[in-house]
Amino acid sequence: MENTDEKPAVASVSSHEPSGHVASISGPVLSLGPTRLLKNSEKNLLARLGLSTIPAAGWGGVLLVVLAELLLFCGAAGRMVSLQTSGQLDRVEEVQGMFWDMLTGAVKLTKTDTKVINTLHMITATLGHLILVPQLYMLVVFADEKLTLVLQLVLAMLVMVLALVMQTVRTVLEQNKPEGSDCKEEDTCLHRTWAWMLFINIIIFLTIIFIRVLFNMRLKNWIVRIKCVGPIIEFCVSRRSRDFQCLVLIITLSVTVLSGMILNTQQLYRSDQPEEIESKTVELVIDLVSALVCMAGLLVLVLLYFYSHTSYSHTRVVAEHRVEQELVLLGERHKQVLVRDKTVSKTKYCPVTRSARPGESGQLLRPAGGGVH
């Protein structure tokens, strides 16, 4: 008796046969599931309304980054040339020895040459405030965080070491001042105040970066679940708080750099006679031009912040009624998958949160009233 049961024909494919010889494979056609279709519809809706959470970086931001890099590096090089022409780098070997003593903790707080300390302060301020801190700032404000996470961590460690060295330099300068001297007599009160504010802002900025690194290492849930403190930490390191801290940092950095350059020039040429100042025209021009280039670079960093902030937060504003209308239509089209899960599942996997824990599934949505929420 012949077997009349027909089975679907499946093309036999040998493991040694090239894939190009396979004509067709019969069977059920794979298609996207209802949950994936819902996610795709949601992404398409956000893109259509212009509410995408990760906007594409335009050429304007890239040009601002290149311009800032060019101005800051040229300004830092000009500051070093200005230090050389003014004679502040004549004792560079002593400056190197002082820097090494600070790194090893062997520096003496008292009985130290003030000129050497001032030169070391200018060099570290130039490298830190015009090179390292702006590089880290641009990575945080403009670059993709996930792609530059390791580089941000390395730069943050370097900035932290340099900030501690600069704070030690300021402490040594304070300890070597003559007794009875006041900051008002030397006109250093303003610069000292802004320097302390900058140091505090750098510490806050680095703390935010370190915590966000921990968040990207899948420790976010553990940190956020800490009672009382967790939600506060999550808000303080959010994108909104981080961007605001970036703005405060760049403003404080600009004022500190400007006051420091003015103070250094004032201390160098305060005691010179008019004839001596006329003979140092070249040194003064180099000092002035380098200062202007540095400030122009810092101004470009401020413009980069506003460009990034506008691109991310103010790209497009959509009327509330239109968003609600689109969401209602989206819910009606995918009503089946939205109202299917009515009970908390202990084992169901959610592709959105990648979690199977009760209460964390993004699929546990219930109908409320006449519509789907």
Foldseek 3Di string as FASTA:
>chain_A
DDDPDDDDDADDDDPPDDPVVDDDGDDDDDDDDLVVVLVVLVVVVCVVQVNDQDDDDDVVLVVLVVLLVVLLVLLLVLLVVLCVLLPLCVPVVVLVVQLVCLVVVNDDLEPDDLSSLLSNLSNLCSCQLRPLVLVLLCCLQPNDCVVCLVVNLVSLVVNVVSLVSNVSSVSSNVSHDDPPDDCVVLVCPVLVVLSVVLSVLSVLLSVLSVVVSCVVVVCLVVQLPDPPVNVVNCVCSDPVNNLVSSLVNLVSSLVNLLVVLVSVVCVSCVPPDPVVVVVCPVSVVSSVVSNVSSNVSSVSSNVSSVVSCCVNPVVDDDDPVVVVVSVQVSCVVSVCQLAVDADFFQADAAPVVRDNHTPPHPSNFHQDDPTGD
